[in-house]
């Protein structure tokens, strides 16, 4: 996440506290994740006003670059 990404996110949701090193949780939808057109549908913990009703689609190519620290069933 770049400084520009954070500035754009803050403009859309000014009440949220954004940081490059922020720790937050996400929830994958469906069994592990809903895979549509090589993406994962993921729910963020910020709010329903963030992204698409609280969800984003993360391209699978990018998801391999993310370091996932913990998976909880």
N, C-alpha and C. Protein backbone atom coordinates (compact mmCIF):
# COMPACT_ATOMS: atom_id res chain seq x y z
N UNK A 1 0.85 -1.16 0.00
CA UNK A 1 0.00 0.00 0.00
C UNK A 1 0.90 1.23 0.00
N UNK A 2 0.64 2.11 -0.91
CA UNK A 2 1.45 3.31 -1.03
C UNK A 2 0.82 4.48 -0.29
N UNK A 3 1.58 5.56 -0.17
CA UNK A 3 1.05 6.78 0.46
C UNK A 3 -0.15 7.29 -0.33
N UNK A 4 -0.08 7.19 -1.66
CA UNK A 4 -1.20 7.64 -2.49
C UNK A 4 -2.44 6.78 -2.24
N UNK A 5 -2.29 5.46 -2.10
CA UNK A 5 -3.42 4.58 -1.80
C UNK A 5 -4.09 5.01 -0.50
N UNK A 6 -3.29 5.33 0.51
CA UNK A 6 -3.83 5.74 1.80
C UNK A 6 -4.56 7.07 1.68
N UNK A 7 -3.99 8.02 0.93
CA UNK A 7 -4.64 9.32 0.75
C UNK A 7 -5.99 9.17 0.05
N UNK A 8 -6.07 8.30 -0.95
CA UNK A 8 -7.33 8.06 -1.65
C UNK A 8 -8.34 7.43 -0.70
N UNK A 9 -7.90 6.43 0.07
CA UNK A 9 -8.79 5.77 1.03
C UNK A 9 -9.29 6.74 2.09
N UNK A 10 -8.42 7.64 2.55
CA UNK A 10 -8.82 8.63 3.55
C UNK A 10 -9.84 9.60 2.99
N UNK A 11 -9.70 9.97 1.72
CA UNK A 11 -10.65 10.89 1.10
C UNK A 11 -12.04 10.27 1.03
N UNK A 12 -12.11 8.96 0.78
CA UNK A 12 -13.39 8.27 0.69
C UNK A 12 -13.98 8.00 2.07
N UNK A 13 -13.14 7.71 3.05
CA UNK A 13 -13.60 7.36 4.39
C UNK A 13 -12.78 8.14 5.42
N UNK A 14 -13.08 9.44 5.60
CA UNK A 14 -12.25 10.29 6.46
C UNK A 14 -12.24 9.92 7.94
N UNK A 15 -13.22 9.15 8.40
CA UNK A 15 -13.27 8.77 9.81
C UNK A 15 -12.38 7.58 10.15
N UNK A 16 -11.86 6.89 9.14
CA UNK A 16 -11.02 5.71 9.38
C UNK A 16 -9.59 6.13 9.68
N UNK A 17 -8.88 5.29 10.40
CA UNK A 17 -7.48 5.53 10.73
C UNK A 17 -6.63 4.65 9.83
N UNK A 18 -5.96 5.24 8.84
CA UNK A 18 -5.19 4.48 7.88
C UNK A 18 -3.70 4.59 8.15
N UNK A 19 -2.99 3.50 7.92
CA UNK A 19 -1.54 3.49 8.08
C UNK A 19 -0.97 2.36 7.23
N UNK A 20 0.21 2.56 6.68
CA UNK A 20 0.84 1.51 5.88
C UNK A 20 1.10 0.27 6.72
N UNK A 21 1.43 0.45 7.98
CA UNK A 21 1.74 -0.69 8.84
C UNK A 21 0.55 -1.13 9.69
N UNK A 22 -0.65 -0.66 9.34
CA UNK A 22 -1.84 -0.98 10.11
C UNK A 22 -2.10 -2.48 10.15
N UNK A 23 -2.46 -2.97 11.30
CA UNK A 23 -2.85 -4.36 11.45
C UNK A 23 -4.37 -4.39 11.50
N UNK A 24 -4.98 -5.20 10.66
CA UNK A 24 -6.42 -5.30 10.65
C UNK A 24 -6.80 -6.69 10.16
N UNK A 25 -8.06 -7.00 10.28
CA UNK A 25 -8.49 -8.34 9.88
C UNK A 25 -9.34 -8.27 8.63
N UNK A 26 -9.34 -9.39 7.91
CA UNK A 26 -10.20 -9.53 6.75
C UNK A 26 -10.90 -10.88 6.85
N UNK A 27 -11.99 -11.01 6.15
CA UNK A 27 -12.75 -12.24 6.14
C UNK A 27 -12.97 -12.65 4.70
N UNK A 28 -12.57 -13.87 4.35
CA UNK A 28 -12.85 -14.34 3.00
C UNK A 28 -14.28 -14.86 2.97
N UNK A 29 -14.94 -14.67 1.86
CA UNK A 29 -16.35 -15.05 1.75
C UNK A 29 -16.46 -16.39 1.03
N UNK A 30 -17.25 -17.27 1.59
CA UNK A 30 -17.41 -18.58 0.99
C UNK A 30 -16.42 -19.55 1.60
N UNK A 31 -16.28 -20.73 1.00
CA UNK A 31 -15.32 -21.70 1.51
C UNK A 31 -13.92 -21.22 1.14
N UNK A 32 -13.19 -20.70 2.08
CA UNK A 32 -11.89 -20.03 1.94
C UNK A 32 -12.05 -18.70 1.22
N UNK A 33 -12.58 -18.68 0.03
CA UNK A 33 -12.78 -17.43 -0.70
C UNK A 33 -13.62 -17.71 -1.94
N UNK A 34 -14.33 -16.71 -2.37
CA UNK A 34 -15.09 -16.81 -3.61
C UNK A 34 -14.14 -16.45 -4.75
N UNK A 35 -13.87 -17.41 -5.62
CA UNK A 35 -12.91 -17.17 -6.70
C UNK A 35 -13.68 -16.81 -7.96
N UNK A 36 -13.61 -15.55 -8.35
CA UNK A 36 -14.29 -15.07 -9.54
C UNK A 36 -13.27 -14.35 -10.41
N UNK A 37 -13.13 -14.82 -11.64
CA UNK A 37 -12.20 -14.20 -12.58
C UNK A 37 -10.82 -14.00 -11.96
N UNK A 38 -10.29 -15.05 -11.37
CA UNK A 38 -8.95 -15.03 -10.77
C UNK A 38 -8.80 -14.01 -9.65
N UNK A 39 -9.85 -13.83 -8.86
CA UNK A 39 -9.76 -12.92 -7.72
C UNK A 39 -10.38 -13.55 -6.49
N UNK A 40 -10.07 -12.99 -5.33
CA UNK A 40 -10.67 -13.42 -4.07
C UNK A 40 -11.58 -12.30 -3.59
N UNK A 41 -12.78 -12.63 -3.17
CA UNK A 41 -13.67 -11.62 -2.59
C UNK A 41 -13.42 -11.61 -1.09
N UNK A 42 -13.00 -10.46 -0.57
CA UNK A 42 -12.55 -10.36 0.81
C UNK A 42 -13.31 -9.25 1.52
N UNK A 43 -13.75 -9.53 2.73
CA UNK A 43 -14.42 -8.52 3.56
C UNK A 43 -13.40 -7.90 4.50
N UNK A 44 -13.39 -6.57 4.52
CA UNK A 44 -12.48 -5.84 5.38
C UNK A 44 -13.17 -5.57 6.71
N UNK A 45 -12.40 -5.24 7.72
CA UNK A 45 -12.97 -4.99 9.05
C UNK A 45 -13.32 -3.52 9.29
N UNK A 46 -13.07 -2.64 8.33
CA UNK A 46 -13.28 -1.22 8.56
C UNK A 46 -14.76 -0.85 8.66
N UNK A 47 -15.54 -1.05 7.60
CA UNK A 47 -16.97 -0.75 7.65
C UNK A 47 -17.62 -1.11 6.33
N UNK A 48 -18.96 -1.10 6.30
CA UNK A 48 -19.69 -1.36 5.07
C UNK A 48 -19.52 -0.23 4.06
N UNK A 49 -19.13 0.95 4.52
CA UNK A 49 -18.97 2.09 3.61
C UNK A 49 -17.64 2.03 2.86
N UNK A 50 -16.77 1.10 3.24
CA UNK A 50 -15.47 0.95 2.59
C UNK A 50 -15.60 0.00 1.41
N UNK A 51 -14.93 0.29 0.31
CA UNK A 51 -14.92 -0.61 -0.84
C UNK A 51 -16.31 -0.83 -1.41
N UNK A 52 -16.64 -2.06 -1.75
CA UNK A 52 -17.94 -2.43 -2.30
C UNK A 52 -18.76 -3.06 -1.18
N UNK A 53 -19.39 -2.21 -0.35
CA UNK A 53 -20.17 -2.71 0.78
C UNK A 53 -19.31 -3.42 1.82
N UNK A 54 -18.05 -3.00 1.95
CA UNK A 54 -17.13 -3.62 2.90
C UNK A 54 -16.27 -4.71 2.29
N UNK A 55 -16.47 -4.99 1.00
CA UNK A 55 -15.71 -6.04 0.31
C UNK A 55 -14.78 -5.44 -0.74
N UNK A 56 -13.72 -6.18 -1.05
CA UNK A 56 -12.85 -5.87 -2.18
C UNK A 56 -12.61 -7.17 -2.93
N UNK A 57 -12.10 -7.05 -4.13
CA UNK A 57 -11.63 -8.22 -4.87
C UNK A 57 -10.12 -8.09 -4.99
N UNK A 58 -9.42 -9.10 -4.54
CA UNK A 58 -7.97 -9.12 -4.57
C UNK A 58 -7.54 -10.10 -5.65
N UNK A 59 -6.81 -9.62 -6.65
CA UNK A 59 -6.36 -10.51 -7.72
C UNK A 59 -5.49 -11.60 -7.14
N UNK A 60 -5.70 -12.82 -7.60
CA UNK A 60 -4.96 -13.95 -7.06
C UNK A 60 -3.45 -13.78 -7.24
N UNK A 61 -3.02 -13.13 -8.31
CA UNK A 61 -1.59 -12.91 -8.51
C UNK A 61 -1.03 -12.07 -7.37
N UNK A 62 -1.77 -11.07 -6.92
CA UNK A 62 -1.33 -10.23 -5.80
C UNK A 62 -1.40 -10.99 -4.49
N UNK A 63 -2.42 -11.83 -4.34
CA UNK A 63 -2.60 -12.53 -3.06
C UNK A 63 -1.43 -13.45 -2.75
N UNK A 64 -0.72 -13.90 -3.77
CA UNK A 64 0.46 -14.74 -3.52
C UNK A 64 1.62 -13.91 -2.96
N UNK A 65 1.58 -12.58 -3.15
CA UNK A 65 2.64 -11.71 -2.65
C UNK A 65 2.39 -11.25 -1.22
N UNK A 66 1.18 -11.46 -0.73
CA UNK A 66 0.81 -11.01 0.62
C UNK A 66 1.29 -12.04 1.63
N UNK A 67 1.80 -11.58 2.75
CA UNK A 67 2.21 -12.49 3.82
C UNK A 67 1.04 -12.62 4.79
N UNK A 68 0.39 -13.75 4.75
CA UNK A 68 -0.75 -14.01 5.62
C UNK A 68 -0.22 -14.53 6.94
N UNK A 69 -0.52 -13.86 8.03
CA UNK A 69 0.04 -14.26 9.32
C UNK A 69 -0.80 -15.30 10.04
N UNK A 70 -2.09 -15.36 9.75
CA UNK A 70 -2.91 -16.33 10.47
C UNK A 70 -4.21 -16.58 9.72
N UNK A 71 -4.55 -17.84 9.59
CA UNK A 71 -5.83 -18.23 9.01
C UNK A 71 -6.66 -18.84 10.11
N UNK A 72 -7.87 -18.41 10.27
CA UNK A 72 -8.78 -18.98 11.27
C UNK A 72 -10.00 -19.54 10.56
N UNK A 73 -10.33 -20.81 10.78
CA UNK A 73 -11.50 -21.40 10.12
C UNK A 73 -12.80 -20.81 10.66
